[in-house]
């Protein structure tokens, strides 16, 4: 007779090392503007998939790409300022 055993304990077991650290949460929070801008870009691209692209779709995608680039630049500058001591 074969016994069927669940792995519920292994899947839902809680270990403190499984949770994100405060430093990881801070890094996610610092990158959140870039993440949200990326989501906006993906949404603009999805909107344009269902129909032929028009000037409004092109403008929406271009603005979303610019927001991604600006947010990425801001995040990179903050990271560089934090690692170099801040004063230039």
N, C-alpha and C. Protein backbone atom coordinates (compact mmCIF):
# COMPACT_ATOMS: atom_id res chain seq x y z
N UNK A 1 0.83 -1.17 0.00
CA UNK A 1 0.00 0.00 0.00
C UNK A 1 0.89 1.24 0.00
N UNK A 2 0.64 2.15 -0.94
CA UNK A 2 1.38 3.40 -1.02
C UNK A 2 0.61 4.50 -0.31
N UNK A 3 1.31 5.24 0.53
CA UNK A 3 0.67 6.33 1.24
C UNK A 3 0.94 7.64 0.50
N UNK A 4 -0.08 8.43 0.37
CA UNK A 4 0.04 9.73 -0.25
C UNK A 4 0.30 10.73 0.87
N UNK A 5 1.39 11.47 0.72
CA UNK A 5 1.78 12.42 1.75
C UNK A 5 1.81 13.81 1.13
N UNK A 6 1.27 14.78 1.83
CA UNK A 6 1.29 16.15 1.32
C UNK A 6 2.58 16.83 1.74
N UNK A 7 2.92 17.87 1.02
CA UNK A 7 4.11 18.65 1.35
C UNK A 7 3.69 20.02 1.87
N UNK A 8 2.51 20.10 2.45
CA UNK A 8 1.99 21.36 2.93
C UNK A 8 2.94 22.03 3.91
N UNK A 9 3.50 21.27 4.84
CA UNK A 9 4.40 21.86 5.82
C UNK A 9 5.64 22.45 5.16
N UNK A 10 6.17 21.77 4.18
CA UNK A 10 7.37 22.26 3.51
C UNK A 10 7.08 23.52 2.70
N UNK A 11 5.91 23.61 2.11
CA UNK A 11 5.57 24.74 1.27
C UNK A 11 5.25 25.98 2.10
N UNK A 12 4.53 25.80 3.18
CA UNK A 12 4.07 26.95 3.95
C UNK A 12 4.89 27.19 5.21
N UNK A 13 6.00 26.51 5.33
CA UNK A 13 6.81 26.69 6.53
C UNK A 13 7.36 28.11 6.56
N UNK A 14 7.41 28.68 7.72
CA UNK A 14 7.91 30.04 7.87
C UNK A 14 9.30 29.98 8.50
N UNK A 15 10.22 30.61 7.83
CA UNK A 15 11.57 30.75 8.36
C UNK A 15 11.93 32.23 8.25
N UNK A 16 12.53 32.78 9.27
CA UNK A 16 12.87 34.21 9.22
C UNK A 16 13.79 34.58 8.05
N UNK A 17 14.65 33.65 7.62
CA UNK A 17 15.56 33.97 6.53
C UNK A 17 14.85 34.02 5.19
N UNK A 18 13.59 33.60 5.13
CA UNK A 18 12.84 33.62 3.87
C UNK A 18 12.27 35.01 3.58
N UNK A 19 12.13 35.84 4.57
CA UNK A 19 11.57 37.18 4.40
C UNK A 19 12.63 38.14 3.88
N UNK A 20 12.21 39.16 3.11
CA UNK A 20 13.19 40.15 2.65
C UNK A 20 13.72 40.97 3.83
N UNK A 21 14.96 41.33 3.73
CA UNK A 21 15.57 42.14 4.78
C UNK A 21 15.14 43.59 4.62
N UNK A 22 15.42 44.40 5.62
CA UNK A 22 15.10 45.82 5.53
C UNK A 22 15.86 46.48 4.40
N UNK A 23 17.10 46.06 4.18
CA UNK A 23 17.90 46.63 3.09
C UNK A 23 17.28 46.28 1.73
N UNK A 24 16.79 45.06 1.58
CA UNK A 24 16.16 44.67 0.32
C UNK A 24 14.87 45.45 0.09
N UNK A 25 14.09 45.62 1.14
CA UNK A 25 12.86 46.41 1.01
C UNK A 25 13.16 47.87 0.68
N UNK A 26 14.22 48.42 1.26
CA UNK A 26 14.62 49.79 0.94
C UNK A 26 15.06 49.90 -0.52
N UNK A 27 15.77 48.89 -1.02
CA UNK A 27 16.21 48.91 -2.41
C UNK A 27 15.01 48.84 -3.36
N UNK A 28 14.02 48.04 -3.02
CA UNK A 28 12.81 47.96 -3.84
C UNK A 28 12.09 49.30 -3.82
N UNK A 29 11.98 49.90 -2.65
CA UNK A 29 11.31 51.20 -2.52
C UNK A 29 12.04 52.27 -3.33
N UNK A 30 13.37 52.23 -3.34
CA UNK A 30 14.14 53.21 -4.10
C UNK A 30 13.94 53.04 -5.60
N UNK A 31 13.72 51.81 -6.06
CA UNK A 31 13.55 51.54 -7.48
C UNK A 31 12.09 51.59 -7.92
N UNK A 32 11.18 51.85 -7.00
CA UNK A 32 9.75 51.83 -7.33
C UNK A 32 9.36 52.80 -8.45
N UNK A 33 9.89 54.03 -8.52
CA UNK A 33 9.52 54.90 -9.66
C UNK A 33 9.88 54.27 -11.01
N UNK A 34 11.01 53.62 -11.08
CA UNK A 34 11.42 52.97 -12.33
C UNK A 34 10.51 51.79 -12.64
N UNK A 35 10.14 51.03 -11.63
CA UNK A 35 9.24 49.89 -11.82
C UNK A 35 7.89 50.36 -12.32
N UNK A 36 7.34 51.40 -11.70
CA UNK A 36 6.03 51.91 -12.12
C UNK A 36 6.07 52.51 -13.51
N UNK A 37 7.17 53.17 -13.87
CA UNK A 37 7.31 53.70 -15.22
C UNK A 37 7.37 52.56 -16.24
N UNK A 38 8.03 51.48 -15.87
CA UNK A 38 8.08 50.31 -16.75
C UNK A 38 6.70 49.69 -16.95
N UNK A 39 5.91 49.68 -15.90
CA UNK A 39 4.54 49.17 -16.01
C UNK A 39 3.72 50.05 -16.95
N UNK A 40 3.89 51.37 -16.84
CA UNK A 40 3.18 52.28 -17.74
C UNK A 40 3.58 52.04 -19.19
N UNK A 41 4.86 51.77 -19.43
CA UNK A 41 5.32 51.49 -20.79
C UNK A 41 4.68 50.22 -21.33
N UNK A 42 4.65 49.19 -20.51
CA UNK A 42 4.04 47.93 -20.94
C UNK A 42 2.56 48.13 -21.23
N UNK A 43 1.87 48.90 -20.40
CA UNK A 43 0.45 49.17 -20.63
C UNK A 43 0.24 49.92 -21.95
N UNK A 44 1.10 50.88 -22.24
CA UNK A 44 0.99 51.62 -23.50
C UNK A 44 1.21 50.69 -24.68
N UNK A 45 2.14 49.76 -24.55
CA UNK A 45 2.39 48.82 -25.64
C UNK A 45 1.23 47.85 -25.81
N UNK A 46 0.62 47.43 -24.70
CA UNK A 46 -0.51 46.51 -24.78
C UNK A 46 -1.70 47.19 -25.45
N UNK A 47 -1.94 48.45 -25.12
CA UNK A 47 -3.04 49.20 -25.73
C UNK A 47 -2.88 49.24 -27.24
N UNK A 48 -1.66 49.40 -27.70
CA UNK A 48 -1.40 49.53 -29.14
C UNK A 48 -1.44 48.18 -29.86
N UNK A 49 -1.50 47.07 -29.14
CA UNK A 49 -1.51 45.76 -29.81
C UNK A 49 -2.81 45.45 -30.52
N UNK A 50 -3.91 45.94 -30.01
CA UNK A 50 -5.22 45.54 -30.51
C UNK A 50 -5.68 46.27 -31.77
N UNK A 51 -4.95 47.26 -32.19
CA UNK A 51 -5.38 48.04 -33.34
C UNK A 51 -4.16 48.60 -34.07
N UNK A 52 -4.35 49.10 -35.27
CA UNK A 52 -3.23 49.75 -35.96
C UNK A 52 -2.78 50.97 -35.17
N UNK A 53 -1.47 51.15 -35.09
CA UNK A 53 -0.94 52.27 -34.30
C UNK A 53 -1.31 53.59 -34.96
N UNK A 54 -1.72 54.51 -34.14
CA UNK A 54 -1.99 55.86 -34.62
C UNK A 54 -1.05 56.82 -33.89
N UNK A 55 -1.19 58.11 -34.17
CA UNK A 55 -0.26 59.07 -33.58
C UNK A 55 -0.39 59.13 -32.07
N UNK A 56 -1.59 58.93 -31.55
CA UNK A 56 -1.78 58.96 -30.10
C UNK A 56 -1.05 57.78 -29.44
N UNK A 57 -1.12 56.60 -30.05
CA UNK A 57 -0.40 55.44 -29.52
C UNK A 57 1.10 55.67 -29.55
N UNK A 58 1.57 56.24 -30.65
CA UNK A 58 3.01 56.52 -30.74
C UNK A 58 3.44 57.52 -29.67
N UNK A 59 2.65 58.53 -29.46
CA UNK A 59 2.96 59.54 -28.46
C UNK A 59 2.92 58.95 -27.05
N UNK A 60 1.92 58.11 -26.79
CA UNK A 60 1.81 57.46 -25.48
C UNK A 60 3.03 56.58 -25.21
N UNK A 61 3.44 55.81 -26.19
CA UNK A 61 4.61 54.94 -26.03
C UNK A 61 5.89 55.76 -25.86
N UNK A 62 6.02 56.82 -26.64
CA UNK A 62 7.22 57.66 -26.55
C UNK A 62 7.31 58.32 -25.17
N UNK A 63 6.20 58.83 -24.66
CA UNK A 63 6.21 59.45 -23.34
C UNK A 63 6.51 58.43 -22.24
N UNK A 64 5.95 57.24 -22.38
CA UNK A 64 6.20 56.19 -21.38
C UNK A 64 7.68 55.77 -21.42
N UNK A 65 8.27 55.66 -22.62
CA UNK A 65 9.70 55.33 -22.72
C UNK A 65 10.55 56.42 -22.08
N UNK A 66 10.18 57.67 -22.30
CA UNK A 66 10.92 58.78 -21.70
C UNK A 66 10.82 58.75 -20.17
N UNK A 67 9.65 58.38 -19.63
CA UNK A 67 9.51 58.27 -18.18
C UNK A 67 10.36 57.14 -17.63
N UNK A 68 10.46 56.04 -18.37
CA UNK A 68 11.31 54.93 -17.93
C UNK A 68 12.77 55.38 -17.90
N UNK A 69 13.21 56.07 -18.94
CA UNK A 69 14.59 56.54 -18.99
C UNK A 69 14.87 57.55 -17.88
N UNK A 70 13.94 58.48 -17.65
CA UNK A 70 14.13 59.49 -16.61
C UNK A 70 14.16 58.85 -15.23
N UNK A 71 13.26 57.90 -14.98
CA UNK A 71 13.24 57.23 -13.68
C UNK A 71 14.50 56.40 -13.48
N UNK A 72 14.96 55.74 -14.53
CA UNK A 72 16.19 54.96 -14.43
C UNK A 72 17.40 55.84 -14.16
N UNK A 73 17.42 57.01 -14.80
CA UNK A 73 18.51 57.95 -14.57
C UNK A 73 18.49 58.45 -13.12
N UNK A 74 17.31 58.76 -12.62
CA UNK A 74 17.17 59.24 -11.25
C UNK A 74 17.62 58.19 -10.25
N UNK A 75 17.19 56.96 -10.46
CA UNK A 75 17.59 55.86 -9.56
C UNK A 75 19.10 55.65 -9.61
N UNK A 76 19.67 55.68 -10.81
CA UNK A 76 21.12 55.49 -10.94
C UNK A 76 21.90 56.62 -10.28
N UNK A 77 21.42 57.85 -10.43
CA UNK A 77 22.09 58.98 -9.80
C UNK A 77 22.02 58.89 -8.28
N UNK A 78 20.87 58.50 -7.75
CA UNK A 78 20.76 58.33 -6.30
C UNK A 78 21.70 57.24 -5.79
N UNK A 79 21.76 56.15 -6.54
CA UNK A 79 22.64 55.05 -6.15
C UNK A 79 24.10 55.49 -6.18
N UNK A 80 24.48 56.24 -7.22
CA UNK A 80 25.86 56.71 -7.33
C UNK A 80 26.19 57.71 -6.23
N UNK A 81 25.24 58.59 -5.90
CA UNK A 81 25.46 59.57 -4.84
C UNK A 81 25.61 58.88 -3.49
N UNK A 82 24.85 57.82 -3.29
CA UNK A 82 24.91 57.10 -2.03
C UNK A 82 26.24 56.35 -1.87
N UNK A 83 26.76 55.81 -2.96
CA UNK A 83 28.00 55.04 -2.86
C UNK A 83 29.25 55.93 -2.88
N UNK A 84 29.13 57.14 -3.45
CA UNK A 84 30.32 58.00 -3.53
C UNK A 84 30.40 59.01 -2.38
N UNK A 85 29.43 59.01 -1.52
CA UNK A 85 29.47 59.93 -0.39
C UNK A 85 28.58 61.13 -0.56
N UNK A 86 28.04 61.34 -1.75
CA UNK A 86 27.05 62.38 -1.95
C UNK A 86 27.59 63.70 -2.45
N UNK A 87 28.71 64.17 -1.98
CA UNK A 87 29.21 65.48 -2.40
C UNK A 87 30.09 65.33 -3.62
N UNK A 88 29.87 66.23 -4.58
CA UNK A 88 30.68 66.17 -5.80
C UNK A 88 31.55 67.41 -5.89
